[in-house]
Structures are given as C-alpha cells and as structure tokens.
Full PDB file with SEQRES, HELIX, SHEET, SSBOND, CRYST1, ORIGX, SCALE, CONECT and MASTER records, all heavy atoms in Angstrom:
SEQRES   1 A   39  ILE ASN ILE HIS SER THR GLU THR TRP LYS PHE ILE PHE          
SEQRES   2 A   39  LEU ILE PHE ALA VAL LEU LEU VAL LEU TYR ILE VAL ARG          
SEQRES   3 A   39  LYS ALA LYS LYS ALA GLY GLN SER LYS ILE GLU LEU SER          
HELIX    1 AA1 THR A    6  ALA A   31  1                                  26    
CRYST1    1.000    1.000    1.000  90.00  90.00  90.00 P 1           1          
ORIGX1      1.000000  0.000000  0.000000        0.00000                         
ORIGX2      0.000000  1.000000  0.000000        0.00000                         
ORIGX3      0.000000  0.000000  1.000000        0.00000                         
SCALE1      1.000000  0.000000  0.000000        0.00000                         
SCALE2      0.000000  1.000000  0.000000        0.00000                         
SCALE3      0.000000  0.000000  1.000000        0.00000                         
ATOM      1  N   ILE A   1     -59.857 -41.964   5.883  1.00  0.00           N  
ATOM      2  CA  ILE A   1     -58.542 -41.116   5.863  1.00  0.00           C  
ATOM      3  C   ILE A   1     -58.791 -40.029   6.917  1.00  0.00           C  
ATOM      4  O   ILE A   1     -59.228 -38.905   6.651  1.00  0.00           O  
ATOM      5  CB  ILE A   1     -58.446 -40.477   4.469  1.00  0.00           C  
ATOM      6  CG1 ILE A   1     -58.323 -41.529   3.390  1.00  0.00           C  
ATOM      7  CG2 ILE A   1     -57.132 -39.632   4.416  1.00  0.00           C  
ATOM      8  CD1 ILE A   1     -58.231 -41.025   1.994  1.00  0.00           C  
ATOM      9  N   ASN A   2     -58.500 -40.547   8.142  1.00  0.00           N  
ATOM     10  CA  ASN A   2     -58.812 -39.659   9.289  1.00  0.00           C  
ATOM     11  C   ASN A   2     -57.867 -39.974  10.451  1.00  0.00           C  
ATOM     12  O   ASN A   2     -57.610 -41.173  10.697  1.00  0.00           O  
ATOM     13  CB  ASN A   2     -60.215 -39.932   9.749  1.00  0.00           C  
ATOM     14  CG  ASN A   2     -60.707 -38.919  10.803  1.00  0.00           C  
ATOM     15  OD1 ASN A   2     -60.095 -38.726  11.799  1.00  0.00           O  
ATOM     16  ND2 ASN A   2     -61.900 -38.352  10.547  1.00  0.00           N  
ATOM     17  N   ILE A   3     -57.244 -38.883  11.064  1.00  0.00           N  
ATOM     18  CA  ILE A   3     -56.239 -39.178  12.066  1.00  0.00           C  
ATOM     19  C   ILE A   3     -56.760 -39.905  13.276  1.00  0.00           C  
ATOM     20  O   ILE A   3     -56.090 -40.489  14.088  1.00  0.00           O  
ATOM     21  CB  ILE A   3     -55.676 -37.847  12.423  1.00  0.00           C  
ATOM     22  CG1 ILE A   3     -54.342 -38.043  13.278  1.00  0.00           C  
ATOM     23  CG2 ILE A   3     -56.562 -36.967  13.210  1.00  0.00           C  
ATOM     24  CD1 ILE A   3     -53.614 -36.786  13.587  1.00  0.00           C  
ATOM     25  N   HIS A   4     -58.062 -39.844  13.450  1.00  0.00           N  
ATOM     26  CA  HIS A   4     -58.733 -40.470  14.594  1.00  0.00           C  
ATOM     27  C   HIS A   4     -59.107 -41.985  14.363  1.00  0.00           C  
ATOM     28  O   HIS A   4     -59.498 -42.620  15.333  1.00  0.00           O  
ATOM     29  CB  HIS A   4     -59.985 -39.771  14.952  1.00  0.00           C  
ATOM     30  CG  HIS A   4     -59.752 -38.322  15.497  1.00  0.00           C  
ATOM     31  ND1 HIS A   4     -59.140 -38.064  16.704  1.00  0.00           N  
ATOM     32  CD2 HIS A   4     -60.072 -37.147  14.863  1.00  0.00           C  
ATOM     33  CE1 HIS A   4     -59.060 -36.757  16.814  1.00  0.00           C  
ATOM     34  NE2 HIS A   4     -59.603 -36.186  15.691  1.00  0.00           N  
ATOM     35  N   SER A   5     -58.801 -42.403  13.205  1.00  0.00           N  
ATOM     36  CA  SER A   5     -59.177 -43.822  12.859  1.00  0.00           C  
ATOM     37  C   SER A   5     -57.944 -44.764  13.045  1.00  0.00           C  
ATOM     38  O   SER A   5     -56.875 -44.500  12.430  1.00  0.00           O  
ATOM     39  CB  SER A   5     -59.608 -43.870  11.320  1.00  0.00           C  
ATOM     40  OG  SER A   5     -59.848 -45.234  10.930  1.00  0.00           O  
ATOM     41  N   THR A   6     -58.155 -45.776  13.939  1.00  0.00           N  
ATOM     42  CA  THR A   6     -57.023 -46.670  14.117  1.00  0.00           C  
ATOM     43  C   THR A   6     -56.791 -47.468  12.786  1.00  0.00           C  
ATOM     44  O   THR A   6     -55.629 -47.854  12.538  1.00  0.00           O  
ATOM     45  CB  THR A   6     -57.398 -47.677  15.230  1.00  0.00           C  
ATOM     46  OG1 THR A   6     -58.586 -48.344  14.901  1.00  0.00           O  
ATOM     47  CG2 THR A   6     -57.520 -46.965  16.527  1.00  0.00           C  
ATOM     48  N   GLU A   7     -57.788 -47.680  11.949  1.00  0.00           N  
ATOM     49  CA  GLU A   7     -57.558 -48.390  10.767  1.00  0.00           C  
ATOM     50  C   GLU A   7     -56.674 -47.533   9.793  1.00  0.00           C  
ATOM     51  O   GLU A   7     -55.830 -48.120   8.986  1.00  0.00           O  
ATOM     52  CB  GLU A   7     -58.922 -48.538  10.013  1.00  0.00           C  
ATOM     53  CG  GLU A   7     -59.842 -49.542  10.824  1.00  0.00           C  
ATOM     54  CD  GLU A   7     -59.280 -50.900  11.057  1.00  0.00           C  
ATOM     55  OE1 GLU A   7     -58.607 -51.462  10.113  1.00  0.00           O  
ATOM     56  OE2 GLU A   7     -59.366 -51.429  12.202  1.00  0.00           O  
ATOM     57  N   THR A   8     -56.757 -46.230   9.819  1.00  0.00           N  
ATOM     58  CA  THR A   8     -55.984 -45.424   8.980  1.00  0.00           C  
ATOM     59  C   THR A   8     -54.469 -45.602   9.426  1.00  0.00           C  
ATOM     60  O   THR A   8     -53.527 -45.686   8.627  1.00  0.00           O  
ATOM     61  CB  THR A   8     -56.322 -43.912   9.112  1.00  0.00           C  
ATOM     62  OG1 THR A   8     -57.646 -43.756   8.614  1.00  0.00           O  
ATOM     63  CG2 THR A   8     -55.427 -43.052   8.331  1.00  0.00           C  
ATOM     64  N   TRP A   9     -54.262 -45.578  10.729  1.00  0.00           N  
ATOM     65  CA  TRP A   9     -52.888 -45.691  11.278  1.00  0.00           C  
ATOM     66  C   TRP A   9     -52.342 -47.100  10.858  1.00  0.00           C  
ATOM     67  O   TRP A   9     -51.158 -47.163  10.451  1.00  0.00           O  
ATOM     68  CB  TRP A   9     -52.808 -45.550  12.715  1.00  0.00           C  
ATOM     69  CG  TRP A   9     -52.984 -44.188  13.151  1.00  0.00           C  
ATOM     70  CD1 TRP A   9     -54.059 -43.364  13.261  1.00  0.00           C  
ATOM     71  CD2 TRP A   9     -51.849 -43.189  13.523  1.00  0.00           C  
ATOM     72  NE1 TRP A   9     -53.824 -42.036  13.671  1.00  0.00           N  
ATOM     73  CE2 TRP A   9     -52.410 -41.992  13.797  1.00  0.00           C  
ATOM     74  CE3 TRP A   9     -50.492 -43.367  13.539  1.00  0.00           C  
ATOM     75  CZ2 TRP A   9     -51.677 -40.913  14.159  1.00  0.00           C  
ATOM     76  CZ3 TRP A   9     -49.651 -42.339  13.923  1.00  0.00           C  
ATOM     77  CH2 TRP A   9     -50.319 -41.024  14.293  1.00  0.00           C  
ATOM     78  N   LYS A  10     -53.072 -48.162  10.880  1.00  0.00           N  
ATOM     79  CA  LYS A  10     -52.612 -49.465  10.552  1.00  0.00           C  
ATOM     80  C   LYS A  10     -52.375 -49.514   9.048  1.00  0.00           C  
ATOM     81  O   LYS A  10     -51.336 -50.195   8.631  1.00  0.00           O  
ATOM     82  CB  LYS A  10     -53.782 -50.515  10.879  1.00  0.00           C  
ATOM     83  CG  LYS A  10     -53.909 -50.692  12.382  1.00  0.00           C  
ATOM     84  CD  LYS A  10     -54.972 -51.633  12.641  1.00  0.00           C  
ATOM     85  CE  LYS A  10     -55.297 -51.714  14.170  1.00  0.00           C  
ATOM     86  NZ  LYS A  10     -56.477 -52.608  14.533  1.00  0.00           N  
ATOM     87  N   PHE A  11     -53.138 -48.856   8.336  1.00  0.00           N  
ATOM     88  CA  PHE A  11     -52.984 -48.733   6.850  1.00  0.00           C  
ATOM     89  C   PHE A  11     -51.636 -48.053   6.539  1.00  0.00           C  
ATOM     90  O   PHE A  11     -50.840 -48.501   5.632  1.00  0.00           O  
ATOM     91  CB  PHE A  11     -54.102 -47.966   6.176  1.00  0.00           C  
ATOM     92  CG  PHE A  11     -54.073 -47.804   4.677  1.00  0.00           C  
ATOM     93  CD1 PHE A  11     -54.160 -48.936   3.871  1.00  0.00           C  
ATOM     94  CD2 PHE A  11     -53.765 -46.603   4.080  1.00  0.00           C  
ATOM     95  CE1 PHE A  11     -54.074 -48.768   2.501  1.00  0.00           C  
ATOM     96  CE2 PHE A  11     -53.801 -46.436   2.676  1.00  0.00           C  
ATOM     97  CZ  PHE A  11     -53.793 -47.546   1.926  1.00  0.00           C  
ATOM     98  N   ILE A  12     -51.384 -46.931   7.242  1.00  0.00           N  
ATOM     99  CA  ILE A  12     -50.018 -46.232   7.066  1.00  0.00           C  
ATOM    100  C   ILE A  12     -48.885 -47.118   7.437  1.00  0.00           C  
ATOM    101  O   ILE A  12     -47.884 -47.181   6.738  1.00  0.00           O  
ATOM    102  CB  ILE A  12     -50.049 -44.856   7.840  1.00  0.00           C  
ATOM    103  CG1 ILE A  12     -51.162 -43.972   7.358  1.00  0.00           C  
ATOM    104  CG2 ILE A  12     -48.644 -44.304   7.940  1.00  0.00           C  
ATOM    105  CD1 ILE A  12     -51.248 -42.681   8.158  1.00  0.00           C  
ATOM    106  N   PHE A  13     -48.976 -47.748   8.498  1.00  0.00           N  
ATOM    107  CA  PHE A  13     -47.954 -48.728   8.970  1.00  0.00           C  
ATOM    108  C   PHE A  13     -47.648 -49.750   8.031  1.00  0.00           C  
ATOM    109  O   PHE A  13     -46.456 -50.101   7.671  1.00  0.00           O  
ATOM    110  CB  PHE A  13     -48.262 -49.338  10.367  1.00  0.00           C  
ATOM    111  CG  PHE A  13     -48.269 -48.411  11.508  1.00  0.00           C  
ATOM    112  CD1 PHE A  13     -49.096 -48.553  12.562  1.00  0.00           C  
ATOM    113  CD2 PHE A  13     -47.358 -47.366  11.527  1.00  0.00           C  
ATOM    114  CE1 PHE A  13     -49.135 -47.707  13.662  1.00  0.00           C  
ATOM    115  CE2 PHE A  13     -47.357 -46.475  12.566  1.00  0.00           C  
ATOM    116  CZ  PHE A  13     -48.280 -46.637  13.674  1.00  0.00           C  
ATOM    117  N   LEU A  14     -48.661 -50.340   7.436  1.00  0.00           N  
ATOM    118  CA  LEU A  14     -48.516 -51.423   6.437  1.00  0.00           C  
ATOM    119  C   LEU A  14     -47.814 -50.944   5.196  1.00  0.00           C  
ATOM    120  O   LEU A  14     -46.945 -51.499   4.721  1.00  0.00           O  
ATOM    121  CB  LEU A  14     -49.821 -52.006   6.114  1.00  0.00           C  
ATOM    122  CG  LEU A  14     -49.841 -53.110   5.099  1.00  0.00           C  
ATOM    123  CD1 LEU A  14     -49.047 -54.265   5.548  1.00  0.00           C  
ATOM    124  CD2 LEU A  14     -51.247 -53.571   4.675  1.00  0.00           C  
ATOM    125  N   ILE A  15     -48.340 -49.717   4.693  1.00  0.00           N  
ATOM    126  CA  ILE A  15     -47.677 -49.198   3.448  1.00  0.00           C  
ATOM    127  C   ILE A  15     -46.233 -48.819   3.768  1.00  0.00           C  
ATOM    128  O   ILE A  15     -45.307 -49.174   2.895  1.00  0.00           O  
ATOM    129  CB  ILE A  15     -48.469 -47.938   3.031  1.00  0.00           C  
ATOM    130  CG1 ILE A  15     -49.910 -48.334   2.617  1.00  0.00           C  
ATOM    131  CG2 ILE A  15     -47.816 -47.352   1.795  1.00  0.00           C  
ATOM    132  CD1 ILE A  15     -50.059 -49.427   1.602  1.00  0.00           C  
ATOM    133  N   PHE A  16     -46.002 -48.213   4.847  1.00  0.00           N  
ATOM    134  CA  PHE A  16     -44.551 -47.844   5.267  1.00  0.00           C  
ATOM    135  C   PHE A  16     -43.728 -49.049   5.335  1.00  0.00           C  
ATOM    136  O   PHE A  16     -42.560 -49.025   4.825  1.00  0.00           O  
ATOM    137  CB  PHE A  16     -44.677 -47.041   6.583  1.00  0.00           C  
ATOM    138  CG  PHE A  16     -43.675 -45.900   6.676  1.00  0.00           C  
ATOM    139  CD1 PHE A  16     -44.114 -44.590   6.669  1.00  0.00           C  
ATOM    140  CD2 PHE A  16     -42.273 -46.130   6.660  1.00  0.00           C  
ATOM    141  CE1 PHE A  16     -43.266 -43.531   6.707  1.00  0.00           C  
ATOM    142  CE2 PHE A  16     -41.386 -45.026   6.661  1.00  0.00           C  
ATOM    143  CZ  PHE A  16     -41.893 -43.752   6.738  1.00  0.00           C  
ATOM    144  N   ALA A  17     -44.207 -50.027   6.045  1.00  0.00           N  
ATOM    145  CA  ALA A  17     -43.404 -51.280   6.149  1.00  0.00           C  
ATOM    146  C   ALA A  17     -43.075 -51.921   4.816  1.00  0.00           C  
ATOM    147  O   ALA A  17     -41.969 -52.388   4.566  1.00  0.00           O  
ATOM    148  CB  ALA A  17     -44.209 -52.243   7.095  1.00  0.00           C  
ATOM    149  N   VAL A  18     -44.137 -52.067   3.930  1.00  0.00           N  
ATOM    150  CA  VAL A  18     -43.846 -52.589   2.615  1.00  0.00           C  
ATOM    151  C   VAL A  18     -42.849 -51.856   1.823  1.00  0.00           C  
ATOM    152  O   VAL A  18     -41.971 -52.404   1.248  1.00  0.00           O  
ATOM    153  CB  VAL A  18     -45.184 -52.664   1.839  1.00  0.00           C  
ATOM    154  CG1 VAL A  18     -44.994 -53.049   0.330  1.00  0.00           C  
ATOM    155  CG2 VAL A  18     -46.173 -53.693   2.455  1.00  0.00           C  
ATOM    156  N   LEU A  19     -42.887 -50.477   1.890  1.00  0.00           N  
ATOM    157  CA  LEU A  19     -41.903 -49.681   1.107  1.00  0.00           C  
ATOM    158  C   LEU A  19     -40.529 -49.801   1.674  1.00  0.00           C  
ATOM    159  O   LEU A  19     -39.578 -49.941   0.971  1.00  0.00           O  
ATOM    160  CB  LEU A  19     -42.322 -48.127   1.201  1.00  0.00           C  
ATOM    161  CG  LEU A  19     -43.649 -47.796   0.460  1.00  0.00           C  
ATOM    162  CD1 LEU A  19     -44.013 -46.350   0.665  1.00  0.00           C  
ATOM    163  CD2 LEU A  19     -43.451 -48.076  -1.100  1.00  0.00           C  
ATOM    164  N   LEU A  20     -40.441 -49.890   3.020  1.00  0.00           N  
ATOM    165  CA  LEU A  20     -39.112 -50.096   3.658  1.00  0.00           C  
ATOM    166  C   LEU A  20     -38.496 -51.422   3.197  1.00  0.00           C  
ATOM    167  O   LEU A  20     -37.315 -51.581   2.983  1.00  0.00           O  
ATOM    168  CB  LEU A  20     -39.210 -49.990   5.213  1.00  0.00           C  
ATOM    169  CG  LEU A  20     -39.209 -48.554   5.807  1.00  0.00           C  
ATOM    170  CD1 LEU A  20     -39.431 -48.625   7.304  1.00  0.00           C  
ATOM    171  CD2 LEU A  20     -37.831 -47.902   5.485  1.00  0.00           C  
ATOM    172  N   VAL A  21     -39.371 -52.462   3.240  1.00  0.00           N  
ATOM    173  CA  VAL A  21     -38.815 -53.824   2.936  1.00  0.00           C  
ATOM    174  C   VAL A  21     -38.386 -53.871   1.474  1.00  0.00           C  
ATOM    175  O   VAL A  21     -37.317 -54.369   1.234  1.00  0.00           O  
ATOM    176  CB  VAL A  21     -39.971 -54.859   3.221  1.00  0.00           C  
ATOM    177  CG1 VAL A  21     -39.564 -56.193   2.554  1.00  0.00           C  
ATOM    178  CG2 VAL A  21     -40.159 -54.977   4.696  1.00  0.00           C  
ATOM    179  N   LEU A  22     -39.139 -53.265   0.620  1.00  0.00           N  
ATOM    180  CA  LEU A  22     -38.734 -53.256  -0.833  1.00  0.00           C  
ATOM    181  C   LEU A  22     -37.445 -52.474  -0.953  1.00  0.00           C  
ATOM    182  O   LEU A  22     -36.575 -52.863  -1.775  1.00  0.00           O  
ATOM    183  CB  LEU A  22     -39.864 -52.596  -1.629  1.00  0.00           C  
ATOM    184  CG  LEU A  22     -41.156 -53.442  -1.804  1.00  0.00           C  
ATOM    185  CD1 LEU A  22     -42.256 -52.540  -2.571  1.00  0.00           C  
ATOM    186  CD2 LEU A  22     -40.819 -54.677  -2.622  1.00  0.00           C  
ATOM    187  N   TYR A  23     -37.332 -51.414  -0.294  1.00  0.00           N  
ATOM    188  CA  TYR A  23     -36.155 -50.544  -0.381  1.00  0.00           C  
ATOM    189  C   TYR A  23     -34.920 -51.303   0.177  1.00  0.00           C  
ATOM    190  O   TYR A  23     -33.843 -51.297  -0.450  1.00  0.00           O  
ATOM    191  CB  TYR A  23     -36.337 -49.215   0.372  1.00  0.00           C  
ATOM    192  CG  TYR A  23     -35.254 -48.177   0.130  1.00  0.00           C  
ATOM    193  CD1 TYR A  23     -35.120 -47.481  -1.070  1.00  0.00           C  
ATOM    194  CD2 TYR A  23     -34.330 -47.900   1.131  1.00  0.00           C  
ATOM    195  CE1 TYR A  23     -34.154 -46.642  -1.240  1.00  0.00           C  
ATOM    196  CE2 TYR A  23     -33.366 -47.038   0.953  1.00  0.00           C  
ATOM    197  CZ  TYR A  23     -33.235 -46.320  -0.313  1.00  0.00           C  
ATOM    198  OH  TYR A  23     -32.243 -45.370  -0.505  1.00  0.00           O  
ATOM    199  N   ILE A  24     -35.005 -51.950   1.254  1.00  0.00           N  
ATOM    200  CA  ILE A  24     -33.947 -52.711   1.889  1.00  0.00           C  
ATOM    201  C   ILE A  24     -33.516 -53.860   0.975  1.00  0.00           C  
ATOM    202  O   ILE A  24     -32.343 -54.091   0.752  1.00  0.00           O  
ATOM    203  CB  ILE A  24     -34.379 -53.183   3.189  1.00  0.00           C  
ATOM    204  CG1 ILE A  24     -34.485 -52.053   4.199  1.00  0.00           C  
ATOM    205  CG2 ILE A  24     -33.336 -54.271   3.806  1.00  0.00           C  
ATOM    206  CD1 ILE A  24     -35.121 -52.491   5.652  1.00  0.00           C  
ATOM    207  N   VAL A  25     -34.509 -54.562   0.389  1.00  0.00           N  
ATOM    208  CA  VAL A  25     -34.266 -55.731  -0.472  1.00  0.00           C  
ATOM    209  C   VAL A  25     -33.533 -55.191  -1.671  1.00  0.00           C  
ATOM    210  O   VAL A  25     -32.518 -55.859  -2.146  1.00  0.00           O  
ATOM    211  CB  VAL A  25     -35.526 -56.470  -0.874  1.00  0.00           C  
ATOM    212  CG1 VAL A  25     -35.262 -57.473  -1.938  1.00  0.00           C  
ATOM    213  CG2 VAL A  25     -36.079 -57.113   0.422  1.00  0.00           C  
ATOM    214  N   ARG A  26     -33.884 -54.080  -2.254  1.00  0.00           N  
ATOM    215  CA  ARG A  26     -33.284 -53.569  -3.427  1.00  0.00           C  
ATOM    216  C   ARG A  26     -31.810 -53.154  -3.099  1.00  0.00           C  
ATOM    217  O   ARG A  26     -30.922 -53.536  -3.948  1.00  0.00           O  
ATOM    218  CB  ARG A  26     -34.101 -52.346  -3.940  1.00  0.00           C  
ATOM    219  CG  ARG A  26     -33.489 -51.626  -5.073  1.00  0.00           C  
ATOM    220  CD  ARG A  26     -34.409 -50.581  -5.638  1.00  0.00           C  
ATOM    221  NE  ARG A  26     -33.782 -49.777  -6.643  1.00  0.00           N  
ATOM    222  CZ  ARG A  26     -32.991 -48.771  -6.367  1.00  0.00           C  
ATOM    223  NH1 ARG A  26     -32.825 -48.415  -5.088  1.00  0.00           N  
ATOM    224  NH2 ARG A  26     -32.354 -47.996  -7.329  1.00  0.00           N  
ATOM    225  N   LYS A  27     -31.613 -52.511  -2.034  1.00  0.00           N  
ATOM    226  CA  LYS A  27     -30.201 -52.089  -1.691  1.00  0.00           C  
ATOM    227  C   LYS A  27     -29.314 -53.331  -1.412  1.00  0.00           C  
ATOM    228  O   LYS A  27     -28.220 -53.375  -1.792  1.00  0.00           O  
ATOM    229  CB  LYS A  27     -30.271 -51.171  -0.412  1.00  0.00           C  
ATOM    230  CG  LYS A  27     -30.866 -49.854  -0.731  1.00  0.00           C  
ATOM    231  CD  LYS A  27     -29.949 -48.967  -1.722  1.00  0.00           C  
ATOM    232  CE  LYS A  27     -30.475 -47.538  -1.794  1.00  0.00           C  
ATOM    233  NZ  LYS A  27     -29.620 -46.777  -2.795  1.00  0.00           N  
ATOM    234  N   ALA A  28     -29.979 -54.323  -0.757  1.00  0.00           N  
ATOM    235  CA  ALA A  28     -29.157 -55.545  -0.462  1.00  0.00           C  
ATOM    236  C   ALA A  28     -28.796 -56.209  -1.740  1.00  0.00           C  
ATOM    237  O   ALA A  28     -27.709 -56.738  -1.907  1.00  0.00           O  
ATOM    238  CB  ALA A  28     -30.021 -56.401   0.439  1.00  0.00           C  
ATOM    239  N   LYS A  29     -29.740 -56.354  -2.677  1.00  0.00           N  
ATOM    240  CA  LYS A  29     -29.442 -56.988  -3.882  1.00  0.00           C  
ATOM    241  C   LYS A  29     -28.357 -56.361  -4.744  1.00  0.00           C  
ATOM    242  O   LYS A  29     -27.504 -56.883  -5.311  1.00  0.00           O  
ATOM    243  CB  LYS A  29     -30.786 -57.087  -4.711  1.00  0.00           C  
ATOM    244  CG  LYS A  29     -30.614 -57.942  -5.991  1.00  0.00           C  
ATOM    245  CD  LYS A  29     -32.021 -58.022  -6.642  1.00  0.00           C  
ATOM    246  CE  LYS A  29     -31.924 -58.866  -7.980  1.00  0.00           C  
ATOM    247  NZ  LYS A  29     -33.176 -59.011  -8.625  1.00  0.00           N  
ATOM    248  N   LYS A  30     -28.427 -54.928  -4.713  1.00  0.00           N  
ATOM    249  CA  LYS A  30     -27.521 -54.064  -5.422  1.00  0.00           C  
ATOM    250  C   LYS A  30     -26.097 -54.216  -4.761  1.00  0.00           C  
ATOM    251  O   LYS A  30     -25.130 -54.306  -5.406  1.00  0.00           O  
ATOM    252  CB  LYS A  30     -27.909 -52.686  -5.310  1.00  0.00           C  
ATOM    253  CG  LYS A  30     -27.134 -51.704  -6.277  1.00  0.00           C  
ATOM    254  CD  LYS A  30     -27.650 -50.351  -6.201  1.00  0.00           C  
ATOM    255  CE  LYS A  30     -26.850 -49.435  -7.122  1.00  0.00           C  
ATOM    256  NZ  LYS A  30     -27.483 -48.065  -7.143  1.00  0.00           N  
ATOM    257  N   ALA A  31     -26.072 -54.513  -3.441  1.00  0.00           N  
ATOM    258  CA  ALA A  31     -24.826 -54.608  -2.755  1.00  0.00           C  
ATOM    259  C   ALA A  31     -24.307 -56.026  -2.726  1.00  0.00           C  
ATOM    260  O   ALA A  31     -23.187 -56.320  -2.217  1.00  0.00           O  
ATOM    261  CB  ALA A  31     -24.873 -54.119  -1.293  1.00  0.00           C  
ATOM    262  N   GLY A  32     -25.098 -56.952  -3.266  1.00  0.00           N  
ATOM    263  CA  GLY A  32     -24.737 -58.381  -3.267  1.00  0.00           C  
ATOM    264  C   GLY A  32     -24.789 -59.088  -2.014  1.00  0.00           C  
ATOM    265  O   GLY A  32     -24.045 -60.132  -1.815  1.00  0.00           O  
ATOM    266  N   GLN A  33     -25.612 -58.630  -1.086  1.00  0.00           N  
ATOM    267  CA  GLN A  33     -25.703 -59.226   0.275  1.00  0.00           C  
ATOM    268  C   GLN A  33     -26.955 -60.092   0.299  1.00  0.00           C  
ATOM    269  O   GLN A  33     -28.095 -59.640  -0.073  1.00  0.00           O  
ATOM    270  CB  GLN A  33     -25.694 -58.161   1.351  1.00  0.00           C  
ATOM    271  CG  GLN A  33     -24.409 -57.435   1.466  1.00  0.00           C  
ATOM    272  CD  GLN A  33     -24.395 -56.557   2.782  1.00  0.00           C  
ATOM    273  OE1 GLN A  33     -25.216 -56.769   3.646  1.00  0.00           O  
ATOM    274  NE2 GLN A  33     -23.446 -55.650   2.916  1.00  0.00           N  
ATOM    275  N   SER A  34     -26.824 -61.298   0.740  1.00  0.00           N  
ATOM    276  CA  SER A  34     -27.923 -62.190   0.900  1.00  0.00           C  
ATOM    277  C   SER A  34     -28.566 -62.170   2.389  1.00  0.00           C  
ATOM    278  O   SER A  34     -29.681 -62.591   2.544  1.00  0.00           O  
ATOM    279  CB  SER A  34     -27.439 -63.672   0.626  1.00  0.00           C  
ATOM    280  OG  SER A  34     -26.444 -64.041   1.528  1.00  0.00           O  
ATOM    281  N   LYS A  35     -27.794 -61.618   3.283  1.00  0.00           N  
ATOM    282  CA  LYS A  35     -28.262 -61.494   4.675  1.00  0.00           C  
ATOM    283  C   LYS A  35     -28.248 -60.025   5.077  1.00  0.00           C  
ATOM    284  O   LYS A  35     -27.253 -59.392   4.944  1.00  0.00           O  
ATOM    285  CB  LYS A  35     -27.333 -62.331   5.524  1.00  0.00           C  
ATOM    286  CG  LYS A  35     -27.840 -62.352   7.043  1.00  0.00           C  
ATOM    287  CD  LYS A  35     -26.990 -63.303   7.815  1.00  0.00           C  
ATOM    288  CE  LYS A  35     -27.477 -63.373   9.193  1.00  0.00           C  
ATOM    289  NZ  LYS A  35     -26.629 -64.257  10.137  1.00  0.00           N  
ATOM    290  N   ILE A  36     -29.415 -59.597   5.607  1.00  0.00           N  
ATOM    291  CA  ILE A  36     -29.523 -58.158   5.917  1.00  0.00           C  
ATOM    292  C   ILE A  36     -29.338 -58.025   7.499  1.00  0.00           C  
ATOM    293  O   ILE A  36     -30.032 -58.623   8.298  1.00  0.00           O  
ATOM    294  CB  ILE A  36     -30.877 -57.601   5.555  1.00  0.00           C  
ATOM    295  CG1 ILE A  36     -31.079 -57.816   4.010  1.00  0.00           C  
ATOM    296  CG2 ILE A  36     -31.067 -56.169   5.951  1.00  0.00           C  
ATOM    297  CD1 ILE A  36     -32.451 -57.504   3.546  1.00  0.00           C  
ATOM    298  N   GLU A  37     -28.352 -57.165   7.826  1.00  0.00           N  
ATOM    299  CA  GLU A  37     -28.091 -56.912   9.340  1.00  0.00           C  
ATOM    300  C   GLU A  37     -28.255 -55.489   9.602  1.00  0.00           C  
ATOM    301  O   GLU A  37     -28.315 -54.663   8.695  1.00  0.00           O  
ATOM    302  CB  GLU A  37     -26.635 -57.401   9.635  1.00  0.00           C  
ATOM    303  CG  GLU A  37     -26.407 -58.866   9.397  1.00  0.00           C  
ATOM    304  CD  GLU A  37     -24.963 -59.242   9.699  1.00  0.00           C  
ATOM    305  OE1 GLU A  37     -24.117 -58.317   9.913  1.00  0.00           O  
ATOM    306  OE2 GLU A  37     -24.674 -60.547   9.750  1.00  0.00           O  
ATOM    307  N   LEU A  38     -28.300 -55.174  10.902  1.00  0.00           N  
ATOM    308  CA  LEU A  38     -28.527 -53.813  11.356  1.00  0.00           C  
ATOM    309  C   LEU A  38     -27.366 -52.889  10.798  1.00  0.00           C  
ATOM    310  O   LEU A  38     -27.618 -51.691  10.430  1.00  0.00           O  
ATOM    311  CB  LEU A  38     -28.558 -53.674  12.889  1.00  0.00           C  
ATOM    312  CG  LEU A  38     -28.866 -52.395  13.497  1.00  0.00           C  
ATOM    313  CD1 LEU A  38     -30.260 -51.910  13.077  1.00  0.00           C  
ATOM    314  CD2 LEU A  38     -28.785 -52.503  15.047  1.00  0.00           C  
ATOM    315  N   SER A  39     -26.185 -53.303  10.740  1.00  0.00           N  
ATOM    316  CA  SER A  39     -25.090 -52.513  10.318  1.00  0.00           C  
ATOM    317  C   SER A  39     -25.266 -52.139   8.838  1.00  0.00           C  
ATOM    318  O   SER A  39     -24.863 -51.037   8.403  1.00  0.00           O  
ATOM    319  CB  SER A  39     -23.697 -53.304  10.472  1.00  0.00           C  
ATOM    320  OG  SER A  39     -23.782 -54.507   9.681  1.00  0.00           O  
TER     321      SER A  39                                                      
MASTER        0    0    0    1    0    0    0    6  320    1    0    3          
END                                                                             
C-alpha cells in the first residue's frame, strides 16, 4: 500500500474497474437494457 508501487496502482485499477462494471450492469438491468452503449 504505497503510491510508489506499480502493483498498488494496478490493484486500484482492477478494483475500480470491477466496481464500475458491477454498477453499469446493475443500472442496465434495472433499465431493462441488454446492450450497454456510451449514451
């Protein structure tokens, strides 16, 4: 857990990406959309 560690940054990116994907999938399911677009 150190700002100078590249492994820490990769860990943060992975966690952030997983949370974003889960959030997007949840919103899409709630909106009834099977395809996720930029709009």
